[in-house]
Each structure stands twice: as C-alpha cells, then as structure tokens.
Amino acid sequence: MDKAQKVDTVRLQNVAYGHKTAGVLLAAVELDLFSRISEEARTIEEIAEAVGISVLNSHRLVAACTGMGLLTKTGPTYSNAPDVEKFLVRGKRNYAGPWLLSQKRDFDRWQELADLLRSNTPPTILGGYEGYTYEKAKALHEATYSVGLGAGMRFARDVDMSNRSLILDIGGGSGAYCIAALQRYPNLKAIVFDLAPTCRVADEFIAQWDLSDRISTHPGDFTKVPFPSGADVMIQASNLPQYSAENLTAVFRKGFEAMKPGGEYHLVGEALDEEQGGPLGPSLWGMAEVFAGSEGRSHSEVEVQTYLEKAGFVDVTINEFIPGSLSRITGRKSSP
C-alpha cells in the first residue's frame, strides 16, 4: 500500500484528547500564564516565578501550550501566539478569559452525552432556564460580555446604522451589541429584550457606559410575548442553536410584524455552511442543546435564509461575520 493511503489513529486520539487540551488552556488562563509572558516572563524559570508554580510544572505547562500552538518557542524563550496575545492578556480591551473559563460549567457533563442522546424525554421550546435567577444570569453574561462587546463593535462597523433610529436586540443578554452600536451612532436608541433576570444584568452594564438614557430593557420571553414595536433595526445574536426551525420562523414573523417598514432584521448566529458539514463551533453548539433539553439544533445559513423569507422578509443575504464562528444573515421589511 502506498504511504499516502495509510491511515493511523493519531487524528482520532487527538479528538479524544479534547478534554485534556481544554484543561490545559483553561488552567493557563486561570493561572494568567499568557499575561505573565506578555509582561516579559519568557523562560521556563521566569514563568515559574511569575505564575507561582514550580519549575517542573512550568516546563509541563509551557510544553503543552506550545504543542497546542498557544505559545511559540525561540531558543529558551516563549512568546504568545498572535490570537493569545490579543485575547488572553488580562487588561487588554479584547480580553476573553471570562468567556473561556465559563466553559468549565459543563466540563464534566459531556461524559453523559451518550446517555442523554438515548433519552426519550420530550424537549421544551427553551430548555435550561428553569429556576433562572439574577445570580445565574450575572455569571453567564459577565462571561458573554467579554466576547460580545468585540462582536458588537464589529457589527457596528459592518452595518451602516447612520440613518436608523431604534434597535431592538432580541435575546440581547448583556446589551453588548447595543452598547457598541450607540458608541458609534449617537443618533440611535436601543431596547434589550430578554428574560427578566438578564435585563437586570444588562441594566448594570448599560449604566457602566452611562447609556441608561438611550438603552432600555424589556423583560420577557420573546418566544411567547409580543415584541415592542417601532424598531427599524432588529438584532438576534448568538442564540440560533437554541431553537427549532418552527420556533425561529415564528420569532422572525413576530419581528417582521413589529418592525417599521424599511427596517432590517440581522440574525447573527452560529450557522452551519450550505452542506451542513461544519464549521466545528456551530455544530457543537447545536449538540450542546441536548444538555439544555431544548428543541434546538444547528441550522445552516441557507435554512435561516429560508426561515426569514417565510416570515415575510425580502432581499435576504448571507454575510460573513466571524469566520468559523458566526454568520450574519439579514432580511429587509419592504417599504409600503
């Protein structure tokens, strides 16, 4: 057999080691390894002293991080990879450590996946929110805010809202997209539409930016209650896999009915490609809904386009947003 045709178990082993690579990354973030390296602790000995671990454990940690591509090695010194330097150095505007550390919440539950997949328990429209409290909402959205503000800034750059007046952010969480948009467009006002505990958290983030006079919150389950009317921009970001096709179409239709003519609906979501063969992140977010007991699954960009068209939107376009993670799918409500 030709060498090129030979297969081995290395790829499968590396997939099975996923919990180990996640453990290394999260430990490095928790120990603030990448911040210390950014501050010039570059050798194994310097890193050990700066991080507060033994030289032996420093060697283990930097070797693992280098093997994962998180660090690069030049002679005896180590440096952060570009994405690590940008997103995992504490104190930088783009610091995403809280979001990554939040993934520890369900770390162990994935061992139960096969049993959950065998379960015949009927799913619910929006699973995982039983007993949802302010404390739970705060823990979740302090994490989502660390990545949501950057995504919101990108959205505000990509989408011209200079002639718009009111954003309705559906499932708006921390309010990050609204906060970012209003920094760029002083003409805008916004409403964050989410569950009551989440709205309390959003109010706190909004107040930190002195935007309480321009961003309000509207408590409610948007799958069950009417939408506030009058918005000419609607955003629904990072909750796509939580819902079924039927639920999404119904939500889009409510958005269409409440929107001003000429307005735009932007679904920013973890969407699969046309062939539904990836990317990995969106496919895993769909799988994660088995833990919530919801009706949700992964949806492709083309499927979302179809849902928006069924709800009445026209000129629906699929736009790249964050490659490998999020797509932006936009529909317009025709003017009379």
Protein backbone atom coordinates (compact mmCIF):
# COMPACT_ATOMS: atom_id res chain seq x y z
CA MET A 1 0.00 0.00 0.00
CA ASP A 2 1.25 3.49 -0.88
CA LYS A 3 2.31 5.63 2.09
CA ALA A 4 -0.17 8.33 1.17
CA GLN A 5 -3.02 5.87 1.57
CA LYS A 6 -2.05 4.66 5.03
CA VAL A 7 -4.16 5.79 7.94
CA ASP A 8 -3.47 5.75 11.66
CA THR A 9 -5.22 6.66 14.90
CA VAL A 10 -3.46 9.96 15.56
CA ARG A 11 -6.36 12.18 14.45
CA LEU A 12 -8.85 10.14 16.45
CA GLN A 13 -6.61 10.19 19.52
CA ASN A 14 -6.23 13.95 19.27
CA VAL A 15 -10.02 14.34 19.15
CA ALA A 16 -10.35 12.07 22.20
CA TYR A 17 -7.78 14.23 23.98
CA GLY A 18 -10.06 17.26 23.64
CA HIS A 19 -10.80 17.37 27.37
CA LYS A 20 -7.06 17.46 28.02
CA THR A 21 -6.36 20.34 25.65
CA ALA A 22 -9.33 22.25 27.08
CA GLY A 23 -7.99 21.60 30.58
CA VAL A 24 -4.56 22.96 29.65
CA LEU A 25 -6.00 26.10 28.06
CA LEU A 26 -8.33 26.84 30.96
CA ALA A 27 -5.58 26.21 33.54
CA ALA A 28 -3.28 28.59 31.66
CA VAL A 29 -5.99 31.26 31.65
CA GLU A 30 -6.77 30.71 35.34
CA LEU A 31 -3.07 30.96 36.22
CA ASP A 32 -2.77 34.06 33.99
CA LEU A 33 0.14 32.47 32.15
CA PHE A 34 -0.34 34.49 28.98
CA SER A 35 -0.41 37.83 30.81
CA ARG A 36 2.84 36.98 32.58
CA ILE A 37 4.50 36.02 29.29
CA SER A 38 3.26 39.25 27.71
CA GLU A 39 4.91 41.07 30.62
CA GLU A 40 8.32 39.58 29.69
CA ALA A 41 8.44 36.36 31.73
CA ARG A 42 9.84 34.34 28.85
CA THR A 43 11.97 31.42 30.09
CA ILE A 44 10.69 28.39 31.97
CA GLU A 45 12.29 29.67 35.18
CA GLU A 46 10.91 33.21 34.78
CA ILE A 47 7.46 31.84 34.01
CA ALA A 48 7.55 29.58 37.08
CA GLU A 49 8.33 32.54 39.34
CA ALA A 50 5.81 34.90 37.71
CA VAL A 51 2.95 32.39 37.69
CA GLY A 52 3.71 30.92 41.11
CA ILE A 53 4.32 27.30 40.16
CA SER A 54 7.33 25.00 40.32
CA VAL A 55 9.92 24.91 37.55
CA LEU A 56 8.83 21.34 36.80
CA ASN A 57 5.19 22.35 36.37
CA SER A 58 6.24 25.40 34.36
CA HIS A 59 8.03 23.07 31.95
CA ARG A 60 4.95 20.85 31.72
CA LEU A 61 2.59 23.76 31.13
CA VAL A 62 4.61 25.63 28.52
CA ALA A 63 5.40 22.40 26.66
CA ALA A 64 1.70 21.57 26.45
CA CYS A 65 0.76 25.12 25.42
CA THR A 66 3.48 25.12 22.78
CA GLY A 67 2.31 21.76 21.46
CA MET A 68 -1.20 23.23 21.16
CA GLY A 69 0.08 26.28 19.27
CA LEU A 70 -0.79 28.70 22.08
CA LEU A 71 2.89 29.60 22.57
CA THR A 72 5.85 29.77 20.22
CA LYS A 73 9.40 28.90 21.25
CA THR A 74 12.61 30.61 20.15
CA GLY A 75 15.67 29.16 21.81
CA PRO A 76 14.97 29.14 25.56
CA THR A 77 12.21 31.77 25.39
CA TYR A 78 8.46 31.58 24.84
CA SER A 79 6.01 34.06 23.31
CA ASN A 80 2.24 34.17 22.96
CA ALA A 81 0.66 33.22 19.65
CA PRO A 82 -1.00 36.27 17.99
CA ASP A 83 -4.58 35.33 18.97
CA VAL A 84 -3.47 34.54 22.52
CA GLU A 85 -1.71 37.90 22.81
CA LYS A 86 -4.81 39.71 21.56
CA PHE A 87 -7.49 37.91 23.55
CA LEU A 88 -5.92 36.27 26.62
CA VAL A 89 -3.81 39.00 28.17
CA ARG A 90 -5.65 40.44 31.15
CA GLY A 91 -6.31 44.16 30.99
CA LYS A 92 -6.49 44.36 27.20
CA ARG A 93 -9.76 45.59 25.74
CA ASN A 94 -10.36 42.28 23.94
CA TYR A 95 -9.68 40.03 26.95
CA ALA A 96 -11.85 36.91 26.54
CA GLY A 97 -10.72 34.96 29.59
CA PRO A 98 -14.11 35.06 31.38
CA TRP A 99 -15.85 33.53 28.36
CA LEU A 100 -13.34 30.68 28.09
CA LEU A 101 -13.43 29.98 31.83
CA SER A 102 -17.23 29.84 31.70
CA GLN A 103 -16.89 26.65 29.66
CA LYS A 104 -15.86 24.85 32.85
CA ARG A 105 -19.51 24.90 33.95
CA ASP A 106 -20.45 21.86 31.86
CA PHE A 107 -16.99 20.31 31.51
CA ASP A 108 -17.94 17.05 33.21
CA ARG A 109 -21.43 16.76 31.73
CA TRP A 110 -20.15 15.87 28.28
CA GLN A 111 -19.23 12.46 29.67
CA GLU A 112 -23.01 11.83 29.89
CA LEU A 113 -23.65 12.63 26.24
CA ALA A 114 -24.38 9.09 25.03
CA ASP A 115 -26.94 8.55 27.81
CA LEU A 116 -28.64 11.86 27.03
CA LEU A 117 -28.80 11.04 23.34
CA ARG A 118 -30.59 7.78 24.22
CA SER A 119 -33.13 9.65 26.35
CA ASN A 120 -36.73 9.94 25.16
CA THR A 121 -37.57 12.88 27.42
CA PRO A 122 -39.65 15.37 25.38
CA PRO A 123 -37.74 18.59 24.68
CA THR A 124 -39.06 22.03 25.59
CA ILE A 125 -39.10 25.21 23.50
CA LEU A 126 -36.38 26.85 25.59
CA GLY A 127 -34.70 24.34 27.86
CA GLY A 128 -32.18 25.03 30.58
CA TYR A 129 -33.84 28.14 32.04
CA GLU A 130 -35.85 26.55 34.84
CA GLY A 131 -35.14 28.42 38.06
CA TYR A 132 -33.20 31.06 36.16
CA THR A 133 -32.08 33.68 38.67
CA TYR A 134 -30.29 37.01 38.64
CA GLU A 135 -27.20 35.26 40.01
CA LYS A 136 -27.18 32.73 37.16
CA ALA A 137 -27.78 35.47 34.59
CA LYS A 138 -24.95 37.56 36.02
CA ALA A 139 -22.47 34.66 35.92
CA LEU A 140 -23.42 33.86 32.32
CA HIS A 141 -23.41 37.37 30.94
CA GLU A 142 -20.28 38.55 32.67
CA ALA A 143 -18.71 35.84 30.52
CA THR A 144 -20.62 36.61 27.30
CA TYR A 145 -19.87 40.33 27.65
CA SER A 146 -16.12 39.63 27.38
CA VAL A 147 -16.58 38.46 23.78
CA GLY A 148 -19.90 40.13 22.96
CA LEU A 149 -18.59 43.69 23.07
CA GLY A 150 -15.96 42.92 20.43
CA ALA A 151 -18.56 41.23 18.24
CA GLY A 152 -20.87 44.19 18.76
CA MET A 153 -18.15 46.59 17.63
CA ARG A 154 -17.62 44.53 14.51
CA PHE A 155 -21.36 44.55 13.83
CA ALA A 156 -21.46 48.33 14.21
CA ARG A 157 -18.62 48.65 11.69
CA ASP A 158 -20.17 46.22 9.21
CA VAL A 159 -23.73 47.54 9.30
CA ASP A 160 -24.45 51.18 8.47
CA MET A 161 -26.96 52.46 11.03
CA SER A 162 -26.38 56.16 10.45
CA ASN A 163 -29.97 56.62 9.21
CA ARG A 164 -31.60 54.33 11.77
CA SER A 165 -33.35 55.34 14.98
CA LEU A 166 -34.14 52.33 17.21
CA ILE A 167 -32.50 48.93 17.74
CA LEU A 168 -34.42 46.03 19.27
CA ASP A 169 -31.89 43.44 20.47
CA ILE A 170 -33.76 40.14 20.77
CA GLY A 171 -32.20 37.97 23.46
CA GLY A 172 -29.72 40.81 23.93
CA GLY A 173 -28.02 39.42 27.03
CA SER A 174 -25.52 41.90 28.48
CA GLY A 175 -26.55 44.57 25.96
CA ALA A 176 -23.09 44.47 24.37
CA TYR A 177 -24.32 44.90 20.78
CA CYS A 178 -26.45 47.90 21.75
CA ILE A 179 -23.64 49.45 23.78
CA ALA A 180 -21.24 49.10 20.85
CA ALA A 181 -23.75 50.47 18.33
CA LEU A 182 -24.59 53.52 20.40
CA GLN A 183 -20.92 54.35 20.83
CA ARG A 184 -20.62 54.60 17.05
CA TYR A 185 -24.04 56.09 16.22
CA PRO A 186 -25.10 58.88 18.58
CA ASN A 187 -28.48 59.15 16.82
CA LEU A 188 -29.56 55.68 17.95
CA LYS A 189 -31.62 54.42 20.86
CA ALA A 190 -31.98 50.74 21.77
CA ILE A 191 -34.03 48.19 23.67
CA VAL A 192 -32.61 44.95 25.10
CA PHE A 193 -35.36 42.31 25.03
CA ASP A 194 -34.59 39.32 27.27
CA LEU A 195 -35.66 37.38 30.35
CA ALA A 196 -36.20 39.47 33.47
CA PRO A 197 -33.04 38.32 35.35
CA THR A 198 -30.94 39.04 32.27
CA CYS A 199 -32.44 42.51 31.91
CA ARG A 200 -31.27 43.33 35.44
CA VAL A 201 -27.74 42.37 34.44
CA ALA A 202 -27.97 44.33 31.18
CA ASP A 203 -29.09 47.41 33.11
CA GLU A 204 -25.86 47.22 35.12
CA PHE A 205 -23.63 47.01 32.05
CA ILE A 206 -25.57 49.81 30.34
CA ALA A 207 -25.16 52.04 33.42
CA GLN A 208 -21.39 51.47 33.35
CA TRP A 209 -21.35 53.16 29.95
CA ASP A 210 -23.70 55.99 31.05
CA LEU A 211 -26.20 54.89 28.41
CA SER A 212 -29.26 54.30 30.58
CA ASP A 213 -31.00 57.27 28.95
CA ARG A 214 -30.59 55.73 25.48
CA ILE A 215 -30.79 51.95 26.13
CA SER A 216 -33.79 50.49 27.96
CA THR A 217 -34.59 46.88 28.80
CA HIS A 218 -37.80 44.98 28.08
CA PRO A 219 -38.26 41.83 30.22
CA GLY A 220 -39.97 38.84 28.61
CA ASP A 221 -39.62 35.52 26.80
CA PHE A 222 -39.56 36.60 23.15
CA THR A 223 -40.87 33.20 22.06
CA LYS A 224 -44.10 33.86 24.00
CA VAL A 225 -44.82 37.59 24.27
CA PRO A 226 -45.28 40.30 21.62
CA PHE A 227 -42.31 42.36 20.50
CA PRO A 228 -42.03 46.07 21.29
CA SER A 229 -42.91 47.95 18.11
CA GLY A 230 -41.15 50.74 16.26
CA ALA A 231 -37.63 49.39 15.76
CA ASP A 232 -36.00 49.81 12.36
CA VAL A 233 -33.08 47.52 13.26
CA MET A 234 -33.52 44.17 14.98
CA ILE A 235 -30.59 42.03 16.11
CA GLN A 236 -30.79 38.44 17.26
CA ALA A 237 -27.29 37.32 18.16
CA SER A 238 -25.72 34.10 19.43
CA ASN A 239 -28.84 32.12 20.31
CA LEU A 240 -29.58 30.45 16.96
CA PRO A 241 -29.00 26.79 18.01
CA GLN A 242 -31.34 27.11 20.98
CA TYR A 243 -34.45 26.92 18.76
CA SER A 244 -36.18 24.66 16.26
CA ALA A 245 -36.95 25.71 12.71
CA GLU A 246 -40.59 26.29 13.65
CA ASN A 247 -39.69 28.44 16.67
CA LEU A 248 -37.25 30.53 14.68
CA THR A 249 -39.74 31.16 11.89
CA ALA A 250 -42.36 32.21 14.46
CA VAL A 251 -39.89 34.57 16.17
CA PHE A 252 -38.86 36.08 12.82
CA ARG A 253 -42.54 36.59 11.93
CA LYS A 254 -43.17 38.45 15.20
CA GLY A 255 -40.14 40.58 14.46
CA PHE A 256 -41.44 41.29 10.96
CA GLU A 257 -44.84 42.36 12.29
CA ALA A 258 -43.34 44.69 14.91
CA MET A 259 -40.70 46.24 12.66
CA LYS A 260 -41.03 49.57 10.90
CA PRO A 261 -41.27 49.30 7.09
CA GLY A 262 -37.83 49.51 5.53
CA GLY A 263 -36.19 48.04 8.63
CA GLU A 264 -33.62 45.26 8.76
CA TYR A 265 -33.51 42.04 10.80
CA HIS A 266 -29.99 40.73 11.48
CA LEU A 267 -29.60 37.15 12.67
CA VAL A 268 -26.03 36.83 13.92
CA GLY A 269 -25.66 33.17 14.65
CA GLU A 270 -23.64 30.00 14.89
CA ALA A 271 -24.74 28.73 11.47
CA LEU A 272 -23.56 25.71 9.51
CA ASP A 273 -22.42 26.05 5.91
CA GLU A 274 -24.62 25.14 2.96
CA GLU A 275 -23.57 21.48 3.02
CA GLN A 276 -24.04 21.32 6.82
CA GLY A 277 -20.54 19.92 7.16
CA GLY A 278 -19.31 22.46 9.68
CA PRO A 279 -17.79 24.67 10.98
CA LEU A 280 -16.97 22.85 14.19
CA GLY A 281 -18.14 25.56 16.61
CA PRO A 282 -21.70 25.87 15.28
CA SER A 283 -22.05 22.08 15.10
CA LEU A 284 -21.02 21.73 18.75
CA TRP A 285 -23.38 24.49 19.91
CA GLY A 286 -26.21 22.54 18.32
CA MET A 287 -25.08 19.39 20.11
CA ALA A 288 -24.91 21.26 23.43
CA GLU A 289 -28.67 21.77 23.34
CA VAL A 290 -29.11 18.13 24.37
CA PHE A 291 -27.93 19.21 27.84
CA ALA A 292 -30.50 22.01 27.96
CA GLY A 293 -33.32 19.68 26.93
CA SER A 294 -34.43 22.20 24.32
CA GLU A 295 -35.84 21.75 20.82
CA GLY A 296 -32.78 23.46 19.39
CA ARG A 297 -30.27 22.18 16.87
CA SER A 298 -27.67 23.53 14.46
CA HIS A 299 -29.10 25.35 11.41
CA SER A 300 -27.40 26.16 8.14
CA GLU A 301 -27.12 29.64 6.67
CA VAL A 302 -29.45 28.64 3.83
CA GLU A 303 -32.03 27.29 6.28
CA VAL A 304 -32.02 30.58 8.19
CA GLN A 305 -32.41 32.44 4.92
CA THR A 306 -35.50 30.35 4.21
CA TYR A 307 -36.97 30.99 7.68
CA LEU A 308 -36.58 34.75 7.23
CA GLU A 309 -38.23 34.62 3.81
CA LYS A 310 -41.13 32.59 5.20
CA ALA A 311 -41.60 35.27 7.87
CA GLY A 312 -42.00 37.92 5.15
CA PHE A 313 -38.55 39.43 4.81
CA VAL A 314 -37.11 40.21 1.38
CA ASP A 315 -33.61 40.68 -0.06
CA VAL A 316 -32.27 38.15 2.45
CA THR A 317 -28.47 37.98 2.28
CA ILE A 318 -25.87 35.74 3.88
CA ASN A 319 -22.85 37.69 5.10
CA GLU A 320 -19.58 36.54 6.61
CA PHE A 321 -19.17 37.85 10.14
CA ILE A 322 -16.65 35.92 12.25
CA PRO A 323 -15.34 33.08 10.04
CA GLY A 324 -15.69 29.67 11.64
CA SER A 325 -17.94 31.03 14.38
CA LEU A 326 -20.74 33.42 13.41
CA SER A 327 -22.61 34.37 10.25
CA ARG A 328 -24.77 37.45 9.73
CA ILE A 329 -27.98 36.74 7.80
CA THR A 330 -30.04 39.84 7.05
CA GLY A 331 -33.57 40.40 5.80
CA ARG A 332 -35.41 43.62 5.00
CA LYS A 333 -39.05 44.57 5.53
CA SER A 334 -40.35 46.22 2.38
CA SER A 335 -41.45 49.84 2.50
CA PRO A 336 -45.12 50.46 1.62
